[in-house]
Amino acid sequence: MEVEVGELLDIIPKNQFNQTNKGNATGYLQQIENFQQENKEQSKKILELYEKIIEEKNILIEGLRAKQKKI
């Protein structure tokens, strides 16, 4: 079963860029700043999930090594 990373992390994409007036760059810059902050938060969640998976993998490997030594 395939699951999107965003679904695992409970992330709802909010990437929408609208600019109607070329003279009004402030709104556009604010959207960019919001996008960068959301991206930073998503990256942090992905890193936390990655670290948890690595930790679980290491525990599994140690368990398998201990089991093999008993044989």
C-alpha atoms as a PDB file:
ATOM      1  CA  MET A   1       0.000   0.000   0.000  1.00  0.00           C
ATOM      2  CA  GLU A   2       1.452   3.352  -1.030  1.00  0.00           C
ATOM      3  CA  VAL A   3       1.079   6.324   1.317  1.00  0.00           C
ATOM      4  CA  GLU A   4       2.128   9.891   0.593  1.00  0.00           C
ATOM      5  CA  VAL A   5       4.705  11.420   2.977  1.00  0.00           C
ATOM      6  CA  GLY A   6       2.382  14.376   3.544  1.00  0.00           C
ATOM      7  CA  GLU A   7      -0.372  12.022   4.647  1.00  0.00           C
ATOM      8  CA  LEU A   8       1.964  10.277   7.122  1.00  0.00           C
ATOM      9  CA  LEU A   9       3.024  13.589   8.610  1.00  0.00           C
ATOM     10  CA  ASP A  10      -0.506  15.025   8.535  1.00  0.00           C
ATOM     11  CA  ILE A  11       0.588  17.879   6.276  1.00  0.00           C
ATOM     12  CA  ILE A  12      -1.889  19.765   4.114  1.00  0.00           C
ATOM     13  CA  PRO A  13      -0.219  21.533   1.182  1.00  0.00           C
ATOM     14  CA  LYS A  14      -0.939  25.280   1.179  1.00  0.00           C
ATOM     15  CA  ASN A  15       1.246  26.362  -1.711  1.00  0.00           C
ATOM     16  CA  GLN A  16      -0.650  29.025  -3.575  1.00  0.00           C
ATOM     17  CA  PHE A  17       0.938  32.020  -5.226  1.00  0.00           C
ATOM     18  CA  ASN A  18      -1.243  34.814  -6.571  1.00  0.00           C
ATOM     19  CA  GLN A  19       0.009  38.159  -7.768  1.00  0.00           C
ATOM     20  CA  THR A  20      -2.324  40.490  -9.582  1.00  0.00           C
ATOM     21  CA  ASN A  21      -0.483  43.789  -9.261  1.00  0.00           C
ATOM     22  CA  LYS A  22       3.171  43.995 -10.266  1.00  0.00           C
ATOM     23  CA  GLY A  23       3.609  47.046  -8.075  1.00  0.00           C
ATOM     24  CA  ASN A  24       2.468  45.197  -4.956  1.00  0.00           C
ATOM     25  CA  ALA A  25       5.504  43.029  -4.245  1.00  0.00           C
ATOM     26  CA  THR A  26       4.856  42.980  -0.482  1.00  0.00           C
ATOM     27  CA  GLY A  27       2.088  40.369  -0.722  1.00  0.00           C
ATOM     28  CA  TYR A  28       4.265  38.176  -2.903  1.00  0.00           C
ATOM     29  CA  LEU A  29       7.208  38.392  -0.512  1.00  0.00           C
ATOM     30  CA  GLN A  30       4.935  37.519   2.417  1.00  0.00           C
ATOM     31  CA  GLN A  31       3.751  34.400   0.555  1.00  0.00           C
ATOM     32  CA  ILE A  32       7.383  33.410  -0.055  1.00  0.00           C
ATOM     33  CA  GLU A  33       8.183  33.852   3.657  1.00  0.00           C
ATOM     34  CA  ASN A  34       5.138  31.751   4.592  1.00  0.00           C
ATOM     35  CA  PHE A  35       6.196  29.072   2.119  1.00  0.00           C
ATOM     36  CA  GLN A  36       9.725  29.015   3.557  1.00  0.00           C
ATOM     37  CA  GLN A  37       8.396  28.665   7.116  1.00  0.00           C
ATOM     38  CA  GLU A  38       6.001  25.850   6.124  1.00  0.00           C
ATOM     39  CA  ASN A  39       8.837  24.135   4.271  1.00  0.00           C
ATOM     40  CA  LYS A  40      11.064  24.419   7.346  1.00  0.00           C
ATOM     41  CA  GLU A  41       8.369  22.856   9.555  1.00  0.00           C
ATOM     42  CA  GLN A  42       7.796  20.022   7.070  1.00  0.00           C
ATOM     43  CA  SER A  43      11.537  19.367   6.843  1.00  0.00           C
ATOM     44  CA  LYS A  44      11.720  19.155  10.636  1.00  0.00           C
ATOM     45  CA  LYS A  45       8.867  16.604  10.721  1.00  0.00           C
ATOM     46  CA  ILE A  46      10.502  14.549   7.971  1.00  0.00           C
ATOM     47  CA  LEU A  47      13.831  14.576   9.833  1.00  0.00           C
ATOM     48  CA  GLU A  48      12.141  13.471  13.078  1.00  0.00           C
ATOM     49  CA  LEU A  49      10.400  10.608  11.246  1.00  0.00           C
ATOM     50  CA  TYR A  50      13.675   9.604   9.571  1.00  0.00           C
ATOM     51  CA  GLU A  51      15.500   9.545  12.914  1.00  0.00           C
ATOM     52  CA  LYS A  52      12.746   7.414  14.462  1.00  0.00           C
ATOM     53  CA  ILE A  53      12.959   4.909  11.592  1.00  0.00           C
ATOM     54  CA  ILE A  54      16.766   4.713  11.939  1.00  0.00           C
ATOM     55  CA  GLU A  55      16.426   4.130  15.693  1.00  0.00           C
ATOM     56  CA  GLU A  56      13.896   1.329  15.133  1.00  0.00           C
ATOM     57  CA  LYS A  57      16.187  -0.230  12.497  1.00  0.00           C
ATOM     58  CA  ASN A  58      19.121  -0.206  14.924  1.00  0.00           C
ATOM     59  CA  ILE A  59      17.022  -1.866  17.640  1.00  0.00           C
ATOM     60  CA  LEU A  60      15.932  -4.546  15.169  1.00  0.00           C
ATOM     61  CA  ILE A  61      19.541  -5.191  14.082  1.00  0.00           C
ATOM     62  CA  GLU A  62      20.702  -5.524  17.694  1.00  0.00           C
ATOM     63  CA  GLY A  63      17.861  -7.953  18.389  1.00  0.00           C
ATOM     64  CA  LEU A  64      18.798 -10.067  15.376  1.00  0.00           C
ATOM     65  CA  ARG A  65      22.472 -10.070  16.412  1.00  0.00           C
ATOM     66  CA  ALA A  66      21.579 -11.189  19.940  1.00  0.00           C
ATOM     67  CA  LYS A  67      19.351 -13.926  18.552  1.00  0.00           C
ATOM     68  CA  GLN A  68      22.108 -15.112  16.191  1.00  0.00           C
ATOM     69  CA  LYS A  69      24.630 -15.312  19.067  1.00  0.00           C
ATOM     70  CA  LYS A  70      22.278 -17.647  20.947  1.00  0.00           C
ATOM     71  CA  ILE A  71      22.192 -20.090  18.013  1.00  0.00           C
END
